[in-house]
Amino acid sequence: MNYINLIPSIYLFEGKVVNKDTKEVIGTGNPVEIATVYDNNGADELLVFDISSNDSEHEANISAMINIADSVDIPMLVGGNIKRLEDVKKYIYTGAKKAILDGNKESNLELVSEASERFGSDKIAVMIDSTFD
């Protein structure tokens, strides 16, 4: 029997759920409310992207991630806006199952080994956005 994992994603900007392209707030923008809907409707995991552009937005998103993790039973995968090892640590400390580094950013590829050694390879994932011809 085949099994498909359902992993919806949400994008956080200033602690609210937004459209990733326009940054317009989706619904109420409440990340816990939206994550709970996914949790209650069969999602296996939740993918949360931080699309902040400065430190205060980044901190608001981390706070939202902590609230999500405290409110749902499904595992949370977290990525976006990783500039240093401290960001990986903050993501893991939100309660995330894994921190996801963008493999298309050379600076993130340099962090993969160090992050894996420090937090465990089971806590680190690499996302690669590529097209195959």
Foldseek 3Di string as FASTA:
>chain_A
DDDDAAEEEFEAWLLFTADPPPRHGDDVRQLQVVLVVCQVPRHQEYEYEYAYDDDNRLVSNLVSLLVNLVRHDHAYEYEYDDQDLVSQVSNVVSVHQAYEYEPVDPNSVVCLVVNCVVPNNRRYHYDYDDDDD
